[in-house]
N, C-alpha and C. Protein backbone atom coordinates (compact mmCIF):
# COMPACT_ATOMS: atom_id res chain seq x y z
N MET A 1 0.68 -1.10 -0.02
CA MET A 1 -0.04 0.28 0.01
C MET A 1 0.60 1.45 -0.14
N SER A 2 0.57 2.38 -0.95
CA SER A 2 1.28 3.45 -0.64
C SER A 2 1.31 4.53 0.26
N PHE A 3 1.86 5.41 0.49
CA PHE A 3 1.63 6.45 1.68
C PHE A 3 0.75 7.27 1.93
N TYR A 4 -0.25 7.23 0.18
CA TYR A 4 -1.06 8.16 -0.22
C TYR A 4 -2.44 7.18 0.52
N GLY A 5 -2.51 5.99 -0.20
CA GLY A 5 -3.30 4.75 -0.16
C GLY A 5 -3.50 4.32 1.47
N LEU A 6 -2.53 4.32 2.16
CA LEU A 6 -2.64 4.31 3.72
C LEU A 6 -3.35 6.01 4.71
N LEU A 7 -3.27 6.74 3.91
CA LEU A 7 -3.79 8.56 4.11
C LEU A 7 -5.16 8.28 3.53
N VAL A 8 -5.69 7.79 2.62
CA VAL A 8 -7.48 7.54 1.99
C VAL A 8 -7.66 6.15 3.33
N PHE A 9 -6.83 5.53 3.60
CA PHE A 9 -7.52 4.26 4.65
C PHE A 9 -8.30 5.10 6.02
N ILE A 10 -6.50 6.10 6.13
CA ILE A 10 -6.80 6.80 7.75
C ILE A 10 -7.74 7.59 7.54
N HIS A 11 -8.30 8.41 6.41
CA HIS A 11 -9.14 9.01 6.19
C HIS A 11 -10.66 8.30 6.67
N ILE A 12 -10.86 7.52 5.51
CA ILE A 12 -11.92 6.99 5.46
C ILE A 12 -12.46 6.45 7.19
N PHE A 13 -11.13 5.42 7.64
CA PHE A 13 -11.57 5.24 8.76
C PHE A 13 -12.02 6.67 10.08
N SER A 14 -11.02 7.61 9.96
CA SER A 14 -11.26 8.91 11.11
C SER A 14 -12.69 9.34 10.62
N ALA A 15 -13.45 8.84 9.31
CA ALA A 15 -14.89 9.57 9.18
C ALA A 15 -15.57 8.90 9.99
N ILE A 16 -15.42 7.38 10.09
CA ILE A 16 -16.47 6.36 10.94
C ILE A 16 -16.14 7.17 12.39
N LEU A 17 -15.24 6.93 12.75
CA LEU A 17 -14.67 7.13 13.98
C LEU A 17 -15.76 8.79 14.38
N GLY A 18 -15.11 9.29 13.54
CA GLY A 18 -15.65 10.71 14.07
C GLY A 18 -16.84 10.91 13.77
N MET A 19 -17.43 10.86 12.94
CA MET A 19 -18.89 10.76 12.62
C MET A 19 -19.77 10.36 12.98
N GLY A 20 -19.83 8.60 12.58
CA GLY A 20 -20.39 7.81 13.35
C GLY A 20 -20.87 8.20 14.91
N PRO A 21 -20.53 7.96 15.88
CA PRO A 21 -20.87 8.79 16.93
C PRO A 21 -21.59 9.88 16.93
N GLY A 22 -20.94 11.02 16.10
CA GLY A 22 -21.78 12.20 16.42
C GLY A 22 -23.26 12.49 16.05
N LEU A 23 -23.46 11.21 15.00
CA LEU A 23 -24.75 10.89 14.18
C LEU A 23 -25.74 10.68 15.31
N VAL A 24 -25.36 10.09 16.29
CA VAL A 24 -26.19 9.30 17.20
C VAL A 24 -26.33 9.79 18.86
N MET A 25 -25.27 11.20 19.10
CA MET A 25 -25.52 11.62 20.24
C MET A 25 -26.69 12.84 20.95
N THR A 26 -27.50 12.91 20.03
CA THR A 26 -28.84 13.51 20.17
C THR A 26 -29.97 12.29 20.28
N VAL A 27 -29.48 11.06 20.05
CA VAL A 27 -30.41 9.97 19.98
C VAL A 27 -30.79 9.40 21.65
N ILE A 28 -29.15 9.65 22.00
CA ILE A 28 -28.76 9.02 23.26
C ILE A 28 -29.61 9.48 24.64
N VAL A 29 -29.57 10.82 24.44
CA VAL A 29 -30.14 11.43 25.28
C VAL A 29 -31.55 11.91 25.05
N LYS A 30 -32.04 11.80 24.00
CA LYS A 30 -33.75 12.27 24.02
C LYS A 30 -34.58 10.83 24.59
N LYS A 31 -33.56 9.44 25.08
CA LYS A 31 -34.47 8.26 25.28
C LYS A 31 -34.67 8.47 27.02
N ALA A 32 -33.62 9.32 27.26
CA ALA A 32 -33.76 9.47 29.04
C ALA A 32 -35.02 9.81 29.69
N SER A 33 -35.93 9.35 30.48
CA SER A 33 -36.88 9.36 30.72
C SER A 33 -37.16 10.28 32.37
N ASN A 34 -36.07 10.19 33.27
CA ASN A 34 -35.51 10.52 33.97
C ASN A 34 -34.40 11.60 34.63
N MET A 35 -34.35 12.00 35.49
CA MET A 35 -32.59 12.79 35.55
C MET A 35 -31.15 11.93 35.44
N THR A 36 -31.75 11.02 36.66
CA THR A 36 -30.61 10.05 36.72
C THR A 36 -30.14 9.55 34.96
N GLU A 37 -31.35 9.35 34.38
CA GLU A 37 -30.97 8.51 32.74
C GLU A 37 -30.25 9.51 32.13
N LEU A 38 -30.70 10.78 32.05
CA LEU A 38 -30.60 11.93 31.25
C LEU A 38 -28.92 11.88 31.60
N ARG A 39 -28.18 12.06 33.11
CA ARG A 39 -27.36 12.38 33.57
C ARG A 39 -26.72 11.37 32.94
N HIS A 40 -27.01 10.04 32.92
CA HIS A 40 -25.74 9.32 32.55
C HIS A 40 -25.60 9.02 31.01
N ALA A 41 -27.12 9.69 30.43
CA ALA A 41 -26.90 10.18 28.87
C ALA A 41 -25.69 11.05 28.61
N PHE A 42 -26.23 11.64 29.45
CA PHE A 42 -24.87 13.26 28.85
C PHE A 42 -23.51 12.52 29.39
N VAL A 43 -22.94 11.51 30.38
CA VAL A 43 -21.89 11.19 30.18
C VAL A 43 -21.61 10.34 29.01
N ILE A 44 -22.30 9.35 28.69
CA ILE A 44 -21.68 8.45 27.33
C ILE A 44 -21.75 9.38 25.95
N ARG A 45 -22.61 10.57 26.12
CA ARG A 45 -22.52 11.69 24.75
C ARG A 45 -20.92 12.18 25.12
N ASN A 46 -20.54 12.33 26.10
CA ASN A 46 -19.54 12.83 26.64
C ASN A 46 -17.82 12.31 26.26
N GLN A 47 -18.14 10.81 26.42
CA GLN A 47 -17.21 9.89 26.17
C GLN A 47 -17.46 9.64 24.39
N LEU A 48 -18.63 9.98 23.76
CA LEU A 48 -18.57 9.47 22.58
C LEU A 48 -17.97 10.88 21.82
N HIS A 49 -17.86 12.20 21.85
CA HIS A 49 -17.41 13.56 22.06
C HIS A 49 -16.01 12.89 21.71
N ILE A 50 -15.53 12.48 22.62
CA ILE A 50 -13.96 11.91 22.64
C ILE A 50 -13.59 11.49 20.84
N TYR A 51 -14.39 10.65 20.68
CA TYR A 51 -13.78 10.10 19.26
C TYR A 51 -14.43 10.94 18.34
N THR A 52 -15.26 11.57 17.93
CA THR A 52 -15.45 12.63 17.47
C THR A 52 -14.32 13.60 16.75
N MET A 53 -14.19 14.28 18.33
CA MET A 53 -13.03 15.14 18.20
C MET A 53 -11.59 13.99 17.54
N ILE A 54 -11.48 13.09 17.65
CA ILE A 54 -10.12 12.33 17.31
C ILE A 54 -10.21 12.51 16.14
N GLY A 55 -11.18 11.74 16.10
CA GLY A 55 -11.92 11.56 14.09
C GLY A 55 -11.89 12.71 13.20
N GLY A 56 -12.80 13.71 13.90
CA GLY A 56 -12.45 15.14 13.01
C GLY A 56 -11.04 15.57 12.88
N THR A 57 -10.15 15.45 14.39
CA THR A 57 -8.80 15.95 13.93
C THR A 57 -7.98 15.05 12.55
N LEU A 58 -8.36 13.74 12.65
CA LEU A 58 -7.34 13.19 12.10
C LEU A 58 -8.00 13.13 10.06
N LEU A 59 -9.34 13.16 10.40
CA LEU A 59 -9.97 13.68 8.93
C LEU A 59 -9.30 15.06 8.47
N LEU A 60 -9.20 16.08 9.54
CA LEU A 60 -9.18 17.55 8.69
C LEU A 60 -7.26 17.50 8.19
N VAL A 61 -6.31 16.60 8.93
CA VAL A 61 -5.47 16.20 8.83
C VAL A 61 -4.62 15.72 7.46
N THR A 62 -5.79 14.10 7.59
CA THR A 62 -5.22 13.98 6.34
C THR A 62 -5.69 13.92 5.41
N GLY A 63 -7.17 14.63 4.87
CA GLY A 63 -7.79 15.17 3.90
C GLY A 63 -6.76 16.24 3.35
N VAL A 64 -6.33 17.48 4.18
CA VAL A 64 -5.34 18.17 3.64
C VAL A 64 -3.79 17.86 3.07
N TRP A 65 -3.69 16.56 4.07
CA TRP A 65 -2.20 16.15 3.48
C TRP A 65 -2.53 15.60 2.20
N MET A 66 -3.49 14.65 2.14
CA MET A 66 -4.07 14.21 0.52
C MET A 66 -3.59 15.11 -0.15
N GLY A 67 -4.36 16.30 0.31
CA GLY A 67 -4.34 17.22 -1.18
C GLY A 67 -2.92 17.78 -1.40
N PHE A 68 -1.84 17.85 -0.27
CA PHE A 68 -0.73 18.42 -0.52
C PHE A 68 0.18 17.37 -1.37
N LEU A 69 -0.19 16.22 -1.52
CA LEU A 69 0.38 15.01 -2.05
C LEU A 69 0.10 14.57 -3.35
N ASN A 70 -1.20 15.49 -3.18
CA ASN A 70 -2.01 15.25 -4.45
C ASN A 70 -2.78 16.66 -5.25
N THR A 71 -1.76 17.29 -5.29
CA THR A 71 -2.17 19.03 -5.83
C THR A 71 -3.55 19.16 -6.76
N TYR A 72 -3.78 17.83 -7.53
CA TYR A 72 -4.71 17.93 -8.63
C TYR A 72 -6.35 18.97 -7.63
N LEU A 73 -5.91 18.03 -6.63
CA LEU A 73 -7.29 18.50 -5.57
C LEU A 73 -7.32 19.77 -5.19
N PHE A 74 -6.36 20.48 -5.43
CA PHE A 74 -6.65 21.70 -5.00
C PHE A 74 -7.25 22.35 -5.90
N THR A 75 -7.72 21.86 -6.80
CA THR A 75 -8.06 22.47 -8.46
C THR A 75 -9.49 21.82 -8.59
N GLN A 76 -10.01 21.22 -7.34
CA GLN A 76 -11.45 20.62 -7.66
C GLN A 76 -12.36 21.35 -6.59
N GLY A 77 -13.57 21.76 -6.99
CA GLY A 77 -14.58 22.98 -6.49
C GLY A 77 -14.88 21.40 -5.09
N TRP A 78 -15.51 20.38 -5.30
CA TRP A 78 -15.64 19.74 -4.12
C TRP A 78 -14.92 19.77 -3.05
N TYR A 79 -13.28 19.48 -3.56
CA TYR A 79 -12.74 19.33 -2.19
C TYR A 79 -12.61 20.78 -1.57
N TRP A 80 -12.28 22.06 -2.27
CA TRP A 80 -12.67 23.63 -1.45
C TRP A 80 -13.83 23.54 -0.75
N LEU A 81 -15.19 22.89 -1.27
CA LEU A 81 -16.30 22.88 -0.56
C LEU A 81 -16.27 22.37 0.35
N SER A 82 -15.85 21.09 0.32
CA SER A 82 -15.81 20.21 1.60
C SER A 82 -14.93 20.68 2.66
N LEU A 83 -14.08 21.08 2.51
CA LEU A 83 -13.12 21.99 3.38
C LEU A 83 -13.59 22.88 4.03
N SER A 84 -14.19 23.41 2.63
CA SER A 84 -15.10 24.91 3.46
C SER A 84 -16.34 24.45 4.71
N LEU A 85 -16.77 23.57 4.60
CA LEU A 85 -18.09 22.90 5.15
C LEU A 85 -17.72 22.12 6.37
N PHE A 86 -16.46 21.60 6.17
CA PHE A 86 -15.60 20.72 7.55
C PHE A 86 -14.96 22.11 8.58
N LEU A 87 -14.53 22.93 7.85
CA LEU A 87 -13.94 24.03 8.70
C LEU A 87 -15.76 25.02 9.36
N THR A 88 -16.71 25.04 8.78
CA THR A 88 -17.82 25.32 9.31
C THR A 88 -18.22 24.40 10.52
N ALA A 89 -18.45 23.22 10.00
CA ALA A 89 -18.78 22.41 11.38
C ALA A 89 -18.06 22.44 12.05
N LEU A 90 -16.83 22.40 11.98
CA LEU A 90 -15.50 22.86 13.15
C LEU A 90 -15.95 23.95 13.68
N ALA A 91 -15.78 24.91 13.63
CA ALA A 91 -16.94 25.83 14.50
C ALA A 91 -17.34 26.49 15.14
N PHE A 92 -18.57 25.51 14.38
CA PHE A 92 -20.03 25.31 15.64
C PHE A 92 -19.57 25.05 16.77
N GLY A 93 -18.47 23.74 16.75
CA GLY A 93 -18.27 23.55 18.38
C GLY A 93 -17.80 24.43 19.30
N PRO A 94 -16.90 25.20 19.19
CA PRO A 94 -16.95 26.38 20.42
C PRO A 94 -17.67 27.89 20.17
N PHE A 95 -18.10 28.06 18.87
CA PHE A 95 -18.70 29.40 18.59
C PHE A 95 -20.80 28.94 18.70
N VAL A 96 -20.98 27.81 18.70
CA VAL A 96 -22.44 27.63 18.55
C VAL A 96 -22.83 26.81 19.81
N LEU A 97 -22.22 25.37 19.79
CA LEU A 97 -22.88 24.33 20.57
C LEU A 97 -22.26 23.98 21.95
N SER A 98 -20.63 25.09 22.04
CA SER A 98 -20.67 24.97 23.36
C SER A 98 -21.54 25.96 23.94
N PRO A 99 -21.97 26.84 23.46
CA PRO A 99 -22.56 28.19 24.62
C PRO A 99 -23.96 27.86 24.83
N LYS A 100 -24.40 26.74 23.49
CA LYS A 100 -25.84 26.26 23.82
C LYS A 100 -25.80 25.13 25.13
N SER A 101 -24.93 24.77 25.46
CA SER A 101 -25.12 23.21 25.92
C SER A 101 -24.69 23.59 27.48
N LYS A 102 -23.43 24.88 27.56
CA LYS A 102 -23.84 25.16 29.11
C LYS A 102 -24.80 25.05 30.08
N PRO A 103 -25.94 25.56 29.70
CA PRO A 103 -26.97 25.89 30.55
C PRO A 103 -27.89 24.69 30.85
N ILE A 104 -27.34 23.42 29.70
CA ILE A 104 -28.18 22.23 30.19
C ILE A 104 -26.90 21.69 31.20
N LYS A 105 -25.81 21.62 30.63
CA LYS A 105 -24.77 21.48 32.19
C LYS A 105 -25.01 21.66 33.51
N ASP A 106 -25.34 23.02 33.25
CA ASP A 106 -25.67 23.54 34.65
C ASP A 106 -27.07 22.69 35.16
N ILE A 107 -28.27 22.53 34.31
CA ILE A 107 -29.48 21.78 35.02
C ILE A 107 -28.86 20.46 35.69
N LEU A 108 -27.69 19.65 34.68
CA LEU A 108 -27.17 18.29 35.27
C LEU A 108 -27.10 18.71 36.41
N LYS A 109 -26.36 19.40 36.57
CA LYS A 109 -25.57 19.61 38.15
C LYS A 109 -25.90 19.93 38.96
N THR A 110 -26.73 20.68 38.98
CA THR A 110 -28.08 21.53 39.89
C THR A 110 -29.06 21.05 40.55
N HIS A 111 -29.51 20.35 39.13
CA HIS A 111 -31.41 19.90 39.45
C HIS A 111 -31.45 19.27 40.75
N LYS A 112 -32.44 19.46 41.21
CA LYS A 112 -32.65 18.31 42.39
C LYS A 112 -33.72 17.43 41.99
N GLY A 113 -34.13 16.02 42.39
CA GLY A 113 -34.91 15.38 41.86
C GLY A 113 -34.98 14.79 40.76
N GLU A 114 -35.94 14.03 40.51
CA GLU A 114 -36.08 12.96 39.22
C GLU A 114 -36.53 13.68 38.13
N THR A 115 -37.57 14.36 38.17
CA THR A 115 -38.39 14.85 36.93
C THR A 115 -37.41 15.62 35.82
N ILE A 116 -37.53 15.39 35.13
CA ILE A 116 -36.75 16.54 33.63
C ILE A 116 -37.12 17.80 33.80
N PRO A 117 -36.53 19.07 34.29
CA PRO A 117 -37.58 20.28 34.05
C PRO A 117 -37.52 20.50 32.32
N GLU A 118 -38.86 21.64 32.29
CA GLU A 118 -38.82 21.72 31.26
C GLU A 118 -37.93 22.50 30.22
N SER A 119 -37.49 23.26 31.30
CA SER A 119 -36.29 24.57 30.46
C SER A 119 -35.13 23.36 29.90
N TYR A 120 -35.06 22.37 30.31
CA TYR A 120 -34.06 21.84 29.67
C TYR A 120 -34.63 21.02 28.24
N TYR A 121 -35.46 21.07 28.32
CA TYR A 121 -36.47 20.40 26.81
C TYR A 121 -36.52 21.79 26.14
N ARG A 122 -36.69 22.68 26.24
CA ARG A 122 -36.51 23.91 25.84
C ARG A 122 -34.71 24.01 25.06
N LEU A 123 -33.86 24.10 26.24
CA LEU A 123 -32.69 24.19 25.80
C LEU A 123 -32.01 23.29 24.82
N ALA A 124 -32.31 21.87 25.31
CA ALA A 124 -31.63 20.98 24.39
C ALA A 124 -32.56 20.83 22.46
N GLY A 125 -33.71 21.40 22.55
CA GLY A 125 -34.30 21.60 21.35
C GLY A 125 -33.60 22.41 20.77
N LYS A 126 -32.83 23.79 21.48
CA LYS A 126 -32.20 24.06 20.68
C LYS A 126 -30.65 24.13 20.20
N LEU A 127 -29.90 23.40 21.30
CA LEU A 127 -28.65 22.48 20.64
C LEU A 127 -29.14 21.53 19.77
N PHE A 128 -30.15 20.50 19.56
CA PHE A 128 -30.06 19.69 19.10
C PHE A 128 -29.97 20.08 17.31
N PHE A 129 -31.44 21.10 17.76
CA PHE A 129 -31.30 22.06 16.48
C PHE A 129 -29.77 21.99 15.67
N PHE A 130 -29.09 22.65 16.38
CA PHE A 130 -27.58 23.40 15.49
C PHE A 130 -26.72 21.81 15.36
N GLU A 131 -26.76 20.69 16.62
CA GLU A 131 -26.12 19.68 16.13
C GLU A 131 -26.43 18.56 14.72
N HIS A 132 -28.29 19.05 14.43
CA HIS A 132 -28.65 18.34 13.24
C HIS A 132 -28.11 19.05 12.22
N ILE A 133 -28.08 20.36 12.42
CA ILE A 133 -27.47 21.05 11.14
C ILE A 133 -25.97 20.54 10.88
N THR A 134 -25.44 20.49 11.96
CA THR A 134 -23.51 19.85 11.79
C THR A 134 -24.12 18.67 11.24
N ASN A 135 -24.51 17.52 11.66
CA ASN A 135 -24.71 16.65 10.71
C ASN A 135 -24.99 16.22 9.67
N ILE A 136 -25.88 17.45 9.17
CA ILE A 136 -26.75 17.30 7.62
C ILE A 136 -24.90 17.81 6.75
N ILE A 137 -24.66 18.82 7.38
CA ILE A 137 -23.32 19.24 6.59
C ILE A 137 -22.17 18.19 6.85
N PHE A 138 -22.09 17.46 7.82
CA PHE A 138 -21.01 16.34 7.55
C PHE A 138 -21.61 15.21 6.78
N LEU A 139 -22.75 15.06 6.38
CA LEU A 139 -23.76 14.09 5.39
C LEU A 139 -23.38 14.64 3.95
N ILE A 140 -23.44 16.04 3.98
CA ILE A 140 -23.11 16.48 2.19
C ILE A 140 -21.55 16.48 2.02
N ILE A 141 -20.72 16.63 2.95
CA ILE A 141 -19.01 16.55 2.93
C ILE A 141 -19.53 15.24 2.50
N ILE A 142 -19.68 13.90 3.22
CA ILE A 142 -19.30 12.68 2.72
C ILE A 142 -20.23 12.55 1.14
N ALA A 143 -20.81 12.96 1.05
CA ALA A 143 -21.82 12.88 -0.67
C ALA A 143 -21.06 13.54 -1.67
N LEU A 144 -20.11 14.74 -1.22
CA LEU A 144 -19.27 15.84 -2.00
C LEU A 144 -18.18 14.99 -2.47
N MET A 145 -17.82 14.03 -1.46
CA MET A 145 -16.54 13.26 -1.45
C MET A 145 -16.59 11.93 -2.36
N ILE A 146 -18.09 11.23 -1.96
CA ILE A 146 -17.85 10.14 -3.04
C ILE A 146 -18.30 10.68 -4.70
N LEU A 147 -19.28 11.52 -4.59
CA LEU A 147 -19.80 12.06 -5.98
C LEU A 147 -18.51 12.80 -7.03
N LYS A 148 -17.97 13.51 -5.93
CA LYS A 148 -17.04 14.61 -6.37
C LYS A 148 -17.75 15.38 -7.54
N PRO A 149 -18.60 16.43 -7.80
CA PRO A 149 -19.88 16.39 -8.91
C PRO A 149 -19.41 17.88 -9.22
N PHE A 150 -17.77 18.59 -8.74
CA PHE A 150 -17.25 19.27 -9.61
C PHE A 150 -15.76 19.44 -9.16
């Protein structure tokens, strides 16, 4: 296997490692019916987030590295659009998702009792909306990588 082939292999596995868990993170917490389950679901979610961070970092590194090894990629619109969308989705983390998750983390820390408060559902709905947008962006990137339309 060539070095470029190895990068492609790592890139594909990084997509699975990074995007797979990211696509199910909202589903896991939506199944919680009380605060104990919700807190546990967020522990699982945080553990999955580690995989998305590792996979996402490897995706960026291997994708750009492949571009430098095969400079033809830099002439392709799908490559630039994929890279732009990826960086946009990456920026969602600190600029959109993290601020929207802070009030939820406060509820998880401070709420007493087993009933999930209504404020959680309102806040989670806003957070999950942007997480779904991020997931859609990643699915578009996958389609661009497969189809290479332009």
